[in-house]
PDB file of N, CA and C in Angstrom:
ATOM      1  N   UNK A   1     -22.513  18.962   4.641  1.00  0.00           N
ATOM      2  CA  UNK A   1     -22.788  17.567   6.135  1.00  0.00           C
ATOM      3  C   UNK A   1     -21.700  16.970   5.124  1.00  0.00           C
ATOM      4  N   UNK A   2     -20.625  16.098   5.726  1.00  0.00           N
ATOM      5  CA  UNK A   2     -19.844  15.165   5.487  1.00  0.00           C
ATOM      6  C   UNK A   2     -20.257  14.199   6.043  1.00  0.00           C
ATOM      7  N   UNK A   3     -21.193  13.499   5.577  1.00  0.00           N
ATOM      8  CA  UNK A   3     -22.122  12.287   5.819  1.00  0.00           C
ATOM      9  C   UNK A   3     -21.158  11.330   4.812  1.00  0.00           C
ATOM     10  N   UNK A   4     -20.770   9.893   5.059  1.00  0.00           N
ATOM     11  CA  UNK A   4     -20.175   8.901   4.623  1.00  0.00           C
ATOM     12  C   UNK A   4     -19.029   9.375   3.233  1.00  0.00           C
ATOM     13  N   UNK A   5     -18.208  10.335   3.786  1.00  0.00           N
ATOM     14  CA  UNK A   5     -17.136  10.882   2.813  1.00  0.00           C
ATOM     15  C   UNK A   5     -15.684  10.407   3.847  1.00  0.00           C
ATOM     16  N   UNK A   6     -15.582   9.233   3.250  1.00  0.00           N
ATOM     17  CA  UNK A   6     -14.474   8.877   4.236  1.00  0.00           C
ATOM     18  C   UNK A   6     -13.157   8.996   3.326  1.00  0.00           C
ATOM     19  N   UNK A   7     -11.835   8.697   3.719  1.00  0.00           N
ATOM     20  CA  UNK A   7     -10.939   9.108   3.171  1.00  0.00           C
ATOM     21  C   UNK A   7      -9.906  10.380   3.183  1.00  0.00           C
ATOM     22  N   UNK A   8      -8.595  10.420   2.801  1.00  0.00           N
ATOM     23  CA  UNK A   8      -8.474  11.789   2.544  1.00  0.00           C
ATOM     24  C   UNK A   8      -8.093  12.487   1.447  1.00  0.00           C
ATOM     25  N   UNK A   9      -7.979  14.123   1.074  1.00  0.00           N
ATOM     26  CA  UNK A   9      -7.944  14.222   0.127  1.00  0.00           C
ATOM     27  C   UNK A   9      -6.271  14.251  -0.396  1.00  0.00           C
ATOM     28  N   UNK A  10      -5.923  14.574   0.625  1.00  0.00           N
ATOM     29  CA  UNK A  10      -4.074  14.968   0.622  1.00  0.00           C
ATOM     30  C   UNK A  10      -3.736  16.540  -0.060  1.00  0.00           C
ATOM     31  N   UNK A  11      -4.849  16.896  -0.659  1.00  0.00           N
ATOM     32  CA  UNK A  11      -4.641  18.225  -1.090  1.00  0.00           C
ATOM     33  C   UNK A  11      -4.315  18.066  -2.701  1.00  0.00           C
ATOM     34  N   UNK A  12      -4.884  17.162  -3.316  1.00  0.00           N
ATOM     35  CA  UNK A  12      -5.251  16.451  -4.572  1.00  0.00           C
ATOM     36  C   UNK A  12      -6.181  16.372  -5.180  1.00  0.00           C
ATOM     37  N   UNK A  13      -6.089  16.027  -6.554  1.00  0.00           N
ATOM     38  CA  UNK A  13      -7.589  16.032  -6.814  1.00  0.00           C
ATOM     39  C   UNK A  13      -7.973  14.372  -7.157  1.00  0.00           C
ATOM     40  N   UNK A  14      -9.060  14.109  -7.536  1.00  0.00           N
ATOM     41  CA  UNK A  14      -9.341  13.022  -7.077  1.00  0.00           C
ATOM     42  C   UNK A  14      -8.314  11.788  -8.108  1.00  0.00           C
ATOM     43  N   UNK A  15      -8.215  12.404  -9.705  1.00  0.00           N
ATOM     44  CA  UNK A  15      -7.364  11.461 -10.715  1.00  0.00           C
ATOM     45  C   UNK A  15      -6.290  11.720 -10.040  1.00  0.00           C
ATOM     46  N   UNK A  16      -5.454  12.677  -9.531  1.00  0.00           N
ATOM     47  CA  UNK A  16      -3.817  12.807  -9.282  1.00  0.00           C
ATOM     48  C   UNK A  16      -3.691  11.526  -7.800  1.00  0.00           C
ATOM     49  N   UNK A  17      -4.877  11.657  -6.838  1.00  0.00           N
ATOM     50  CA  UNK A  17      -4.613  11.358  -5.578  1.00  0.00           C
ATOM     51  C   UNK A  17      -4.367   9.587  -6.509  1.00  0.00           C
ATOM     52  N   UNK A  18      -5.647   9.027  -6.636  1.00  0.00           N
ATOM     53  CA  UNK A  18      -5.766   7.411  -7.597  1.00  0.00           C
ATOM     54  C   UNK A  18      -4.411   7.453  -7.832  1.00  0.00           C
ATOM     55  N   UNK A  19      -4.088   8.231  -8.569  1.00  0.00           N
ATOM     56  CA  UNK A  19      -2.761   7.280  -9.370  1.00  0.00           C
ATOM     57  C   UNK A  19      -1.512   7.336  -8.455  1.00  0.00           C
ATOM     58  N   UNK A  20      -1.532   8.504  -7.557  1.00  0.00           N
ATOM     59  CA  UNK A  20      -0.578   8.279  -6.252  1.00  0.00           C
ATOM     60  C   UNK A  20      -0.682   7.029  -5.777  1.00  0.00           C
ATOM     61  N   UNK A  21      -1.343   7.049  -5.242  1.00  0.00           N
ATOM     62  CA  UNK A  21      -1.641   5.641  -4.317  1.00  0.00           C
ATOM     63  C   UNK A  21      -1.782   4.623  -5.005  1.00  0.00           C
ATOM     64  N   UNK A  22      -2.368   4.209  -6.239  1.00  0.00           N
ATOM     65  CA  UNK A  22      -1.369   3.504  -6.924  1.00  0.00           C
ATOM     66  C   UNK A  22       0.015   3.338  -7.375  1.00  0.00           C
ATOM     67  N   UNK A  23       0.570   4.323  -7.311  1.00  0.00           N
ATOM     68  CA  UNK A  23       2.044   3.946  -7.593  1.00  0.00           C
ATOM     69  C   UNK A  23       2.776   3.799  -6.359  1.00  0.00           C
ATOM     70  N   UNK A  24       1.892   4.465  -5.289  1.00  0.00           N
ATOM     71  CA  UNK A  24       3.045   4.165  -3.841  1.00  0.00           C
ATOM     72  C   UNK A  24       2.503   2.718  -3.863  1.00  0.00           C
ATOM     73  N   UNK A  25       1.347   2.510  -3.787  1.00  0.00           N
ATOM     74  CA  UNK A  25       1.016   0.755  -3.480  1.00  0.00           C
ATOM     75  C   UNK A  25       1.949  -0.017  -4.232  1.00  0.00           C
ATOM     76  N   UNK A  26       2.477   0.411  -5.448  1.00  0.00           N
ATOM     77  CA  UNK A  26       3.555  -0.655  -6.733  1.00  0.00           C
ATOM     78  C   UNK A  26       4.783  -0.623  -5.819  1.00  0.00           C
ATOM     79  N   UNK A  27       5.090   0.244  -5.488  1.00  0.00           N
ATOM     80  CA  UNK A  27       6.294   0.393  -4.956  1.00  0.00           C
ATOM     81  C   UNK A  27       6.534  -0.052  -3.669  1.00  0.00           C
ATOM     82  N   UNK A  28       5.341  -0.029  -2.984  1.00  0.00           N
ATOM     83  CA  UNK A  28       5.252  -0.935  -1.446  1.00  0.00           C
ATOM     84  C   UNK A  28       5.123  -2.510  -1.631  1.00  0.00           C
ATOM     85  N   UNK A  29       4.471  -3.046  -2.755  1.00  0.00           N
ATOM     86  CA  UNK A  29       4.628  -4.335  -2.928  1.00  0.00           C
ATOM     87  C   UNK A  29       5.733  -4.757  -3.669  1.00  0.00           C
ATOM     88  N   UNK A  30       6.655  -4.058  -4.311  1.00  0.00           N
ATOM     89  CA  UNK A  30       8.099  -4.205  -4.837  1.00  0.00           C
ATOM     90  C   UNK A  30       9.183  -4.344  -4.022  1.00  0.00           C
ATOM     91  N   UNK A  31       9.045  -3.580  -3.581  1.00  0.00           N
ATOM     92  CA  UNK A  31      10.311  -3.012  -1.968  1.00  0.00           C
ATOM     93  C   UNK A  31       9.892  -3.556  -0.950  1.00  0.00           C
ATOM     94  N   UNK A  32       8.703  -3.724  -0.144  1.00  0.00           N
ATOM     95  CA  UNK A  32       8.060  -4.370   1.132  1.00  0.00           C
ATOM     96  C   UNK A  32       8.358  -3.302   2.096  1.00  0.00           C
ATOM     97  N   UNK A  33       9.058  -1.743   1.310  1.00  0.00           N
ATOM     98  CA  UNK A  33       8.734  -1.070   2.838  1.00  0.00           C
ATOM     99  C   UNK A  33       8.986   0.012   2.142  1.00  0.00           C
ATOM    100  N   UNK A  34       8.154   1.213   2.405  1.00  0.00           N
ATOM    101  CA  UNK A  34       8.360   2.755   1.350  1.00  0.00           C
ATOM    102  C   UNK A  34       8.035   3.787   2.861  1.00  0.00           C
ATOM    103  N   UNK A  35       9.174   4.996   2.242  1.00  0.00           N
ATOM    104  CA  UNK A  35       8.767   6.005   3.552  1.00  0.00           C
ATOM    105  C   UNK A  35       8.353   7.312   2.810  1.00  0.00           C
ATOM    106  N   UNK A  36       6.943   7.829   3.563  1.00  0.00           N
ATOM    107  CA  UNK A  36       6.391   8.613   3.259  1.00  0.00           C
ATOM    108  C   UNK A  36       5.961   9.789   4.442  1.00  0.00           C
ATOM    109  N   UNK A  37       4.780  10.539   4.031  1.00  0.00           N
ATOM    110  CA  UNK A  37       3.914  11.311   4.858  1.00  0.00           C
ATOM    111  C   UNK A  37       2.728  10.166   5.992  1.00  0.00           C
ATOM    112  N   UNK A  38       3.011  10.500   7.558  1.00  0.00           N
ATOM    113  CA  UNK A  38       2.019  10.179   7.798  1.00  0.00           C
ATOM    114  C   UNK A  38       0.765  10.116   7.133  1.00  0.00           C
ATOM    115  N   UNK A  39      -0.108  11.141   6.750  1.00  0.00           N
ATOM    116  CA  UNK A  39      -0.909  10.931   6.320  1.00  0.00           C
ATOM    117  C   UNK A  39      -1.334   9.927   4.965  1.00  0.00           C
ATOM    118  N   UNK A  40      -0.094   9.818   3.979  1.00  0.00           N
ATOM    119  CA  UNK A  40      -0.282   9.176   2.953  1.00  0.00           C
ATOM    120  C   UNK A  40       0.051   7.667   3.263  1.00  0.00           C
ATOM    121  N   UNK A  41       0.653   7.413   4.442  1.00  0.00           N
ATOM    122  CA  UNK A  41       0.696   6.030   4.841  1.00  0.00           C
ATOM    123  C   UNK A  41      -0.762   5.838   5.457  1.00  0.00           C
ATOM    124  N   UNK A  42      -1.120   6.236   6.357  1.00  0.00           N
ATOM    125  CA  UNK A  42      -2.527   6.073   6.582  1.00  0.00           C
ATOM    126  C   UNK A  42      -3.529   5.583   5.393  1.00  0.00           C
ATOM    127  N   UNK A  43      -3.263   6.468   4.759  1.00  0.00           N
ATOM    128  CA  UNK A  43      -4.721   6.275   3.612  1.00  0.00           C
ATOM    129  C   UNK A  43      -4.121   4.942   2.892  1.00  0.00           C
ATOM    130  N   UNK A  44      -2.668   4.939   2.483  1.00  0.00           N
ATOM    131  CA  UNK A  44      -2.341   3.526   1.480  1.00  0.00           C
ATOM    132  C   UNK A  44      -2.305   2.213   2.203  1.00  0.00           C
ATOM    133  N   UNK A  45      -2.607   2.448   3.474  1.00  0.00           N
ATOM    134  CA  UNK A  45      -2.671   1.454   4.040  1.00  0.00           C
ATOM    135  C   UNK A  45      -4.054   0.671   3.828  1.00  0.00           C
ATOM    136  N   UNK A  46      -5.241   1.239   4.119  1.00  0.00           N
ATOM    137  CA  UNK A  46      -6.406   0.463   3.793  1.00  0.00           C
ATOM    138  C   UNK A  46      -7.076   0.240   2.228  1.00  0.00           C
ATOM    139  N   UNK A  47      -5.515   1.045   1.357  1.00  0.00           N
ATOM    140  CA  UNK A  47      -5.417   0.789  -0.257  1.00  0.00           C
ATOM    141  C   UNK A  47      -5.025  -0.519  -0.437  1.00  0.00           C
ATOM    142  N   UNK A  48      -3.790  -0.721   0.409  1.00  0.00           N
ATOM    143  CA  UNK A  48      -3.449  -1.866  -0.287  1.00  0.00           C
ATOM    144  C   UNK A  48      -3.377  -3.006   0.616  1.00  0.00           C
ATOM    145  N   UNK A  49      -4.282  -2.795   1.942  1.00  0.00           N
ATOM    146  CA  UNK A  49      -4.590  -4.359   2.458  1.00  0.00           C
ATOM    147  C   UNK A  49      -6.321  -4.088   1.517  1.00  0.00           C
ATOM    148  N   UNK A  50      -7.026  -4.082   0.843  1.00  0.00           N
ATOM    149  CA  UNK A  50      -7.428  -4.288   0.392  1.00  0.00           C
ATOM    150  C   UNK A  50      -7.320  -5.342  -1.192  1.00  0.00           C
ATOM    151  N   UNK A  51      -6.053  -4.282  -1.471  1.00  0.00           N
ATOM    152  CA  UNK A  51      -5.436  -5.389  -2.720  1.00  0.00           C
ATOM    153  C   UNK A  51      -5.280  -6.774  -2.300  1.00  0.00           C
ATOM    154  N   UNK A  52      -4.877  -6.713  -1.334  1.00  0.00           N
ATOM    155  CA  UNK A  52      -4.079  -8.044  -1.015  1.00  0.00           C
ATOM    156  C   UNK A  52      -5.509  -9.031   0.063  1.00  0.00           C
ATOM    157  N   UNK A  53      -6.129  -8.684   0.332  1.00  0.00           N
ATOM    158  CA  UNK A  53      -7.523  -8.952   0.614  1.00  0.00           C
ATOM    159  C   UNK A  53      -7.791 -10.299  -0.759  1.00  0.00           C
ATOM    160  N   UNK A  54      -8.336  -9.256  -1.810  1.00  0.00           N
ATOM    161  CA  UNK A  54      -8.604  -9.329  -2.988  1.00  0.00           C
ATOM    162  C   UNK A  54      -7.544 -10.771  -3.992  1.00  0.00           C
ATOM    163  N   UNK A  55      -6.553 -10.412  -3.645  1.00  0.00           N
ATOM    164  CA  UNK A  55      -5.079 -11.167  -4.493  1.00  0.00           C
ATOM    165  C   UNK A  55      -5.182 -12.470  -3.250  1.00  0.00           C
ATOM    166  N   UNK A  56      -6.050 -12.750  -2.471  1.00  0.00           N
ATOM    167  CA  UNK A  56      -5.423 -13.948  -1.762  1.00  0.00           C
ATOM    168  C   UNK A  56      -6.809 -14.922  -2.511  1.00  0.00           C
ATOM    169  N   UNK A  57      -7.480 -14.514  -3.019  1.00  0.00           N
ATOM    170  CA  UNK A  57      -8.463 -15.474  -4.249  1.00  0.00           C
ATOM    171  C   UNK A  57      -8.276 -15.464  -5.211  1.00  0.00           C
ATOM    172  N   UNK A  58      -7.130 -16.655  -5.731  1.00  0.00           N
ATOM    173  CA  UNK A  58      -6.188 -16.478  -6.691  1.00  0.00           C
ATOM    174  C   UNK A  58      -7.433 -16.622  -7.744  1.00  0.00           C
ATOM    175  N   UNK A  59      -8.274 -15.562  -8.227  1.00  0.00           N
ATOM    176  CA  UNK A  59      -8.652 -15.992  -9.556  1.00  0.00           C
ATOM    177  C   UNK A  59      -8.931 -15.070 -10.940  1.00  0.00           C
ATOM    178  N   UNK A  60      -9.178 -15.431 -12.058  1.00  0.00           N
ATOM    179  CA  UNK A  60      -9.297 -14.214 -12.850  1.00  0.00           C
ATOM    180  C   UNK A  60      -9.908 -12.952 -12.873  1.00  0.00           C
ATOM    181  N   UNK A  61     -10.575 -13.275 -12.106  1.00  0.00           N
ATOM    182  CA  UNK A  61     -11.459 -11.860 -11.657  1.00  0.00           C
ATOM    183  C   UNK A  61     -11.224 -11.272 -10.853  1.00  0.00           C
ATOM    184  N   UNK A  62     -10.251 -11.614  -9.643  1.00  0.00           N
ATOM    185  CA  UNK A  62      -9.462 -11.054  -9.102  1.00  0.00           C
ATOM    186  C   UNK A  62      -8.124 -10.614  -9.242  1.00  0.00           C
ATOM    187  N   UNK A  63      -7.252 -11.262 -10.245  1.00  0.00           N
ATOM    188  CA  UNK A  63      -6.438 -10.908 -11.022  1.00  0.00           C
ATOM    189  C   UNK A  63      -6.701  -9.293 -11.517  1.00  0.00           C
ATOM    190  N   UNK A  64      -7.867  -9.385 -12.400  1.00  0.00           N
ATOM    191  CA  UNK A  64      -8.470  -8.425 -13.414  1.00  0.00           C
ATOM    192  C   UNK A  64      -8.784  -7.347 -12.602  1.00  0.00           C
ATOM    193  N   UNK A  65      -9.111  -7.478 -11.153  1.00  0.00           N
ATOM    194  CA  UNK A  65      -9.428  -6.188 -10.116  1.00  0.00           C
ATOM    195  C   UNK A  65      -8.507  -5.613  -9.830  1.00  0.00           C
ATOM    196  N   UNK A  66      -7.319  -6.530  -9.411  1.00  0.00           N
ATOM    197  CA  UNK A  66      -5.923  -5.782  -9.423  1.00  0.00           C
ATOM    198  C   UNK A  66      -5.326  -5.016 -10.348  1.00  0.00           C
ATOM    199  N   UNK A  67      -5.399  -5.566 -11.467  1.00  0.00           N
ATOM    200  CA  UNK A  67      -4.895  -5.172 -12.555  1.00  0.00           C
ATOM    201  C   UNK A  67      -5.307  -3.712 -12.917  1.00  0.00           C
ATOM    202  N   UNK A  68      -6.417  -3.427 -13.286  1.00  0.00           N
ATOM    203  CA  UNK A  68      -6.885  -2.274 -13.243  1.00  0.00           C
ATOM    204  C   UNK A  68      -6.293  -1.236 -12.114  1.00  0.00           C
ATOM    205  N   UNK A  69      -5.811  -1.303 -10.720  1.00  0.00           N
ATOM    206  CA  UNK A  69      -5.325  -0.478 -10.062  1.00  0.00           C
ATOM    207  C   UNK A  69      -3.528  -0.801 -10.292  1.00  0.00           C
ATOM    208  N   UNK A  70      -3.172  -2.127  -9.845  1.00  0.00           N
ATOM    209  CA  UNK A  70      -1.621  -1.971 -10.971  1.00  0.00           C
ATOM    210  C   UNK A  70      -1.323  -2.360 -11.660  1.00  0.00           C
ATOM    211  N   UNK A  71      -0.808  -1.305 -12.576  1.00  0.00           N
ATOM    212  CA  UNK A  71      -0.584  -1.490 -13.829  1.00  0.00           C
ATOM    213  C   UNK A  71       0.905  -2.522 -14.591  1.00  0.00           C
ATOM    214  N   UNK A  72       1.048  -2.670 -13.540  1.00  0.00           N
ATOM    215  CA  UNK A  72       2.897  -3.403 -14.054  1.00  0.00           C
ATOM    216  C   UNK A  72       2.478  -4.753 -13.297  1.00  0.00           C
ATOM    217  N   UNK A  73       2.320  -5.869 -14.309  1.00  0.00           N
ATOM    218  CA  UNK A  73       2.498  -7.390 -14.677  1.00  0.00           C
ATOM    219  C   UNK A  73       3.345  -8.001 -13.921  1.00  0.00           C
ATOM    220  N   UNK A  74       4.315  -7.180 -13.742  1.00  0.00           N
ATOM    221  CA  UNK A  74       5.447  -8.462 -12.697  1.00  0.00           C
ATOM    222  C   UNK A  74       4.894  -8.174 -10.922  1.00  0.00           C
ATOM    223  N   UNK A  75       4.407  -7.120 -10.660  1.00  0.00           N
ATOM    224  CA  UNK A  75       3.984  -6.648  -9.517  1.00  0.00           C
ATOM    225  C   UNK A  75       2.958  -7.462  -9.316  1.00  0.00           C
ATOM    226  N   UNK A  76       1.545  -7.558 -10.266  1.00  0.00           N
ATOM    227  CA  UNK A  76       1.026  -8.275  -9.672  1.00  0.00           C
ATOM    228  C   UNK A  76       1.375  -9.408 -10.128  1.00  0.00           C
ATOM    229  N   UNK A  77       1.934 -10.392 -10.760  1.00  0.00           N
ATOM    230  CA  UNK A  77       2.567 -11.584 -10.659  1.00  0.00           C
ATOM    231  C   UNK A  77       3.069 -12.025  -9.015  1.00  0.00           C
ATOM    232  N   UNK A  78       3.782 -11.308  -8.276  1.00  0.00           N
ATOM    233  CA  UNK A  78       4.316 -11.180  -7.131  1.00  0.00           C
ATOM    234  C   UNK A  78       3.185 -10.930  -5.963  1.00  0.00           C
ATOM    235  N   UNK A  79       2.249 -10.338  -6.319  1.00  0.00           N
ATOM    236  CA  UNK A  79       1.383 -10.122  -5.002  1.00  0.00           C
ATOM    237  C   UNK A  79       0.580 -11.260  -4.737  1.00  0.00           C
ATOM    238  N   UNK A  80      -0.062 -11.734  -6.486  1.00  0.00           N
ATOM    239  CA  UNK A  80      -0.516 -13.018  -6.296  1.00  0.00           C
ATOM    240  C   UNK A  80       0.376 -14.458  -5.654  1.00  0.00           C
ATOM    241  N   UNK A  81       1.305 -14.604  -6.146  1.00  0.00           N
ATOM    242  CA  UNK A  81       2.131 -15.552  -6.414  1.00  0.00           C
ATOM    243  C   UNK A  81       3.108 -15.486  -4.858  1.00  0.00           C
ATOM    244  N   UNK A  82       3.481 -14.732  -4.381  1.00  0.00           N
ATOM    245  CA  UNK A  82       4.504 -14.252  -3.391  1.00  0.00           C
ATOM    246  C   UNK A  82       3.729 -13.955  -1.924  1.00  0.00           C
ATOM    247  N   UNK A  83       3.282 -12.355  -2.070  1.00  0.00           N
ATOM    248  CA  UNK A  83       2.814 -11.644  -1.125  1.00  0.00           C
ATOM    249  C   UNK A  83       1.421 -12.320  -0.566  1.00  0.00           C
ATOM    250  N   UNK A  84       0.332 -12.610  -1.580  1.00  0.00           N
ATOM    251  CA  UNK A  84      -0.878 -12.987  -0.981  1.00  0.00           C
ATOM    252  C   UNK A  84      -0.660 -14.195   0.011  1.00  0.00           C
ATOM    253  N   UNK A  85      -0.195 -15.686  -0.636  1.00  0.00           N
ATOM    254  CA  UNK A  85       0.179 -16.622   0.299  1.00  0.00           C
ATOM    255  C   UNK A  85       0.609 -16.697   1.486  1.00  0.00           C
ATOM    256  N   UNK A  86       1.308 -15.581   1.545  1.00  0.00           N
ATOM    257  CA  UNK A  86       1.622 -15.512   3.159  1.00  0.00           C
ATOM    258  C   UNK A  86       0.968 -15.564   3.995  1.00  0.00           C
ATOM    259  N   UNK A  87      -0.332 -14.047   3.420  1.00  0.00           N
ATOM    260  CA  UNK A  87      -1.078 -13.898   4.283  1.00  0.00           C
ATOM    261  C   UNK A  87      -2.624 -15.056   4.365  1.00  0.00           C
ATOM    262  N   UNK A  88      -2.377 -15.977   3.500  1.00  0.00           N
ATOM    263  CA  UNK A  88      -3.973 -16.492   3.368  1.00  0.00           C
ATOM    264  C   UNK A  88      -4.341 -17.054   5.035  1.00  0.00           C
ATOM    265  N   UNK A  89      -3.445 -17.215   5.738  1.00  0.00           N
ATOM    266  CA  UNK A  89      -4.489 -17.473   7.123  1.00  0.00           C
ATOM    267  C   UNK A  89      -4.817 -16.303   7.745  1.00  0.00           C
ATOM    268  N   UNK A  90      -4.072 -14.868   7.560  1.00  0.00           N
ATOM    269  CA  UNK A  90      -4.118 -13.658   8.345  1.00  0.00           C
ATOM    270  C   UNK A  90      -5.446 -12.910   8.080  1.00  0.00           C
ATOM    271  N   UNK A  91      -6.622 -12.661   8.600  1.00  0.00           N
ATOM    272  CA  UNK A  91      -7.808 -12.149   8.359  1.00  0.00           C
ATOM    273  C   UNK A  91      -7.634 -10.661   8.167  1.00  0.00           C
ATOM    274  N   UNK A  92      -6.302  -9.960   8.704  1.00  0.00           N
ATOM    275  CA  UNK A  92      -6.658  -8.446   8.048  1.00  0.00           C
ATOM    276  C   UNK A  92      -4.964  -8.274   8.444  1.00  0.00           C
ATOM    277  N   UNK A  93      -5.026  -6.838   8.576  1.00  0.00           N
ATOM    278  CA  UNK A  93      -3.601  -6.500   9.128  1.00  0.00           C
ATOM    279  C   UNK A  93      -2.502  -6.703   8.738  1.00  0.00           C
ATOM    280  N   UNK A  94      -2.436  -6.427   7.013  1.00  0.00           N
ATOM    281  CA  UNK A  94      -1.162  -7.097   6.658  1.00  0.00           C
ATOM    282  C   UNK A  94      -0.001  -6.044   6.399  1.00  0.00           C
ATOM    283  N   UNK A  95      -0.138  -4.686   6.972  1.00  0.00           N
ATOM    284  CA  UNK A  95       1.187  -3.750   6.864  1.00  0.00           C
ATOM    285  C   UNK A  95       1.406  -3.296   8.218  1.00  0.00           C
ATOM    286  N   UNK A  96       2.322  -2.352   8.567  1.00  0.00           N
ATOM    287  CA  UNK A  96       2.687  -1.607   9.682  1.00  0.00           C
ATOM    288  C   UNK A  96       2.977  -0.485   9.719  1.00  0.00           C
ATOM    289  N   UNK A  97       2.843   0.604  10.548  1.00  0.00           N
ATOM    290  CA  UNK A  97       3.203   1.876  10.220  1.00  0.00           C
ATOM    291  C   UNK A  97       4.254   2.246  11.306  1.00  0.00           C
ATOM    292  N   UNK A  98       5.120   2.784  10.861  1.00  0.00           N
ATOM    293  CA  UNK A  98       6.814   2.811  12.209  1.00  0.00           C
ATOM    294  C   UNK A  98       6.435   4.675  12.085  1.00  0.00           C
ATOM    295  N   UNK A  99       6.351   5.370  12.623  1.00  0.00           N
ATOM    296  CA  UNK A  99       6.320   6.851  12.667  1.00  0.00           C
ATOM    297  C   UNK A  99       7.831   7.378  13.134  1.00  0.00           C
ATOM    298  N   UNK A 100       8.386   8.404  12.319  1.00  0.00           N
ATOM    299  CA  UNK A 100       9.746   8.939  12.436  1.00  0.00           C
ATOM    300  C   UNK A 100       9.455  10.403  13.060  1.00  0.00           C
ATOM    301  N   UNK A 101       8.777  10.804  12.829  1.00  0.00           N
ATOM    302  CA  UNK A 101       8.893  12.258  13.190  1.00  0.00           C
ATOM    303  C   UNK A 101       9.576  13.137  11.919  1.00  0.00           C
ATOM    304  N   UNK A 102       9.281  14.714  12.432  1.00  0.00           N
ATOM    305  CA  UNK A 102       8.734  15.769  11.347  1.00  0.00           C
ATOM    306  C   UNK A 102      10.347  15.498  10.244  1.00  0.00           C
ATOM    307  N   UNK A 103      10.031  15.790   9.175  1.00  0.00           N
ATOM    308  CA  UNK A 103      10.853  15.946   7.739  1.00  0.00           C
ATOM    309  C   UNK A 103      11.500  17.743   8.625  1.00  0.00           C
ATOM    310  N   UNK A 104      12.843  17.515   8.117  1.00  0.00           N
ATOM    311  CA  UNK A 104      13.689  18.499   8.671  1.00  0.00           C
ATOM    312  C   UNK A 104      13.699  20.051   7.992  1.00  0.00           C
ATOM    313  N   UNK A 105      13.319  19.625   6.692  1.00  0.00           N
ATOM    314  CA  UNK A 105      12.896  21.151   5.922  1.00  0.00           C
ATOM    315  C   UNK A 105      11.532  21.378   5.874  1.00  0.00           C
ATOM    316  N   UNK A 106      10.375  21.033   6.164  1.00  0.00           N
ATOM    317  CA  UNK A 106       9.340  21.397   6.090  1.00  0.00           C
ATOM    318  C   UNK A 106       8.337  20.898   7.130  1.00  0.00           C
ATOM    319  N   UNK A 107       8.817  20.117   8.188  1.00  0.00           N
ATOM    320  CA  UNK A 107       8.318  19.893   9.059  1.00  0.00           C
ATOM    321  C   UNK A 107       7.152  18.840   8.774  1.00  0.00           C
ATOM    322  N   UNK A 108       6.447  17.981   8.459  1.00  0.00           N
ATOM    323  CA  UNK A 108       5.827  17.311   7.562  1.00  0.00           C
ATOM    324  C   UNK A 108       6.154  15.429   8.191  1.00  0.00           C
ATOM    325  N   UNK A 109       5.308  15.195   9.048  1.00  0.00           N
ATOM    326  CA  UNK A 109       5.530  13.994  10.146  1.00  0.00           C
ATOM    327  C   UNK A 109       5.633  13.132   8.972  1.00  0.00           C
ATOM    328  N   UNK A 110       6.772  12.364   9.144  1.00  0.00           N
ATOM    329  CA  UNK A 110       7.338  10.963   8.069  1.00  0.00           C
ATOM    330  C   UNK A 110       7.068   9.659   8.670  1.00  0.00           C
ATOM    331  N   UNK A 111       6.621   8.811   7.735  1.00  0.00           N
ATOM    332  CA  UNK A 111       6.322   7.263   8.684  1.00  0.00           C
ATOM    333  C   UNK A 111       7.154   6.567   7.643  1.00  0.00           C
ATOM    334  N   UNK A 112       7.061   5.194   7.907  1.00  0.00           N
ATOM    335  CA  UNK A 112       7.545   3.831   6.861  1.00  0.00           C
ATOM    336  C   UNK A 112       6.156   3.369   7.217  1.00  0.00           C
ATOM    337  N   UNK A 113       5.761   2.596   5.844  1.00  0.00           N
ATOM    338  CA  UNK A 113       4.810   1.795   5.849  1.00  0.00           C
ATOM    339  C   UNK A 113       5.143   0.686   5.408  1.00  0.00           C
ATOM    340  N   UNK A 114       5.210  -0.861   5.765  1.00  0.00           N
ATOM    341  CA  UNK A 114       5.702  -2.076   5.286  1.00  0.00           C
ATOM    342  C   UNK A 114       4.554  -3.019   5.568  1.00  0.00           C
ATOM    343  N   UNK A 115       4.962  -4.153   4.702  1.00  0.00           N
ATOM    344  CA  UNK A 115       4.317  -5.384   4.564  1.00  0.00           C
ATOM    345  C   UNK A 115       4.613  -6.236   5.996  1.00  0.00           C
ATOM    346  N   UNK A 116       3.831  -6.627   6.742  1.00  0.00           N
ATOM    347  CA  UNK A 116       4.260  -7.558   7.968  1.00  0.00           C
ATOM    348  C   UNK A 116       5.411  -8.608   7.493  1.00  0.00           C
ATOM    349  N   UNK A 117       6.111  -8.987   8.310  1.00  0.00           N
ATOM    350  CA  UNK A 117       6.997  -9.863   8.284  1.00  0.00           C
ATOM    351  C   UNK A 117       8.293  -9.515   7.530  1.00  0.00           C
ATOM    352  N   UNK A 118       8.382  -7.788   7.097  1.00  0.00           N
ATOM    353  CA  UNK A 118       9.076  -7.639   6.151  1.00  0.00           C
ATOM    354  C   UNK A 118      10.367  -7.614   6.729  1.00  0.00           C
ATOM    355  N   UNK A 119      11.554  -8.162   5.900  1.00  0.00           N
ATOM    356  CA  UNK A 119      13.366  -8.188   6.876  1.00  0.00           C
ATOM    357  C   UNK A 119      13.627  -7.127   5.552  1.00  0.00           C
ATOM    358  N   UNK A 120      14.211  -6.242   6.130  1.00  0.00           N
ATOM    359  CA  UNK A 120      15.366  -5.231   5.489  1.00  0.00           C
ATOM    360  C   UNK A 120      15.954  -5.771   4.787  1.00  0.00           C
ATOM    361  N   UNK A 121      17.251  -6.097   4.002  1.00  0.00           N
ATOM    362  CA  UNK A 121      18.293  -6.120   3.066  1.00  0.00           C
ATOM    363  C   UNK A 121      19.201  -5.797   4.469  1.00  0.00           C
ATOM    364  N   UNK A 122      20.353  -6.776   4.560  1.00  0.00           N
ATOM    365  CA  UNK A 122      21.347  -6.935   5.382  1.00  0.00           C
ATOM    366  C   UNK A 122      22.540  -5.703   4.416  1.00  0.00           C
ATOM    367  N   UNK A 123      22.934  -4.706   5.162  1.00  0.00           N
ATOM    368  CA  UNK A 123      23.867  -3.800   4.475  1.00  0.00           C
ATOM    369  C   UNK A 123      24.921  -4.581   5.030  1.00  0.00           C
ATOM    370  N   UNK A 124      26.324  -4.521   4.256  1.00  0.00           N
ATOM    371  CA  UNK A 124      27.766  -4.423   4.221  1.00  0.00           C
ATOM    372  C   UNK A 124      28.752  -3.276   5.055  1.00  0.00           C
TER     373      UNK A 124
END
């Protein structure tokens, strides 16, 4: 039976999946937008939104909880000082997913995941 088993396995072991999601979350928080496969985007969305919700309450306990997942202190500082205050009035839905279509070489469905309000840098 599959009762109360939520989340996707993404063809990886538990430790690999947790490390991959932590790395993708760090990249998303650093850059504001990343491109990956659609199932990874959908799994990453809940992962990142939980981190942002924790970061909205700027306490030592919240920082320690986020530090357990995101090991880069620069990104954790950015999350607590820049990203979380932007979403302080928002009750959820901090990310958006944009579908791109299948990848050319293997047909995997690709998507962008980005923080709400993300403005891509202008290219000259």
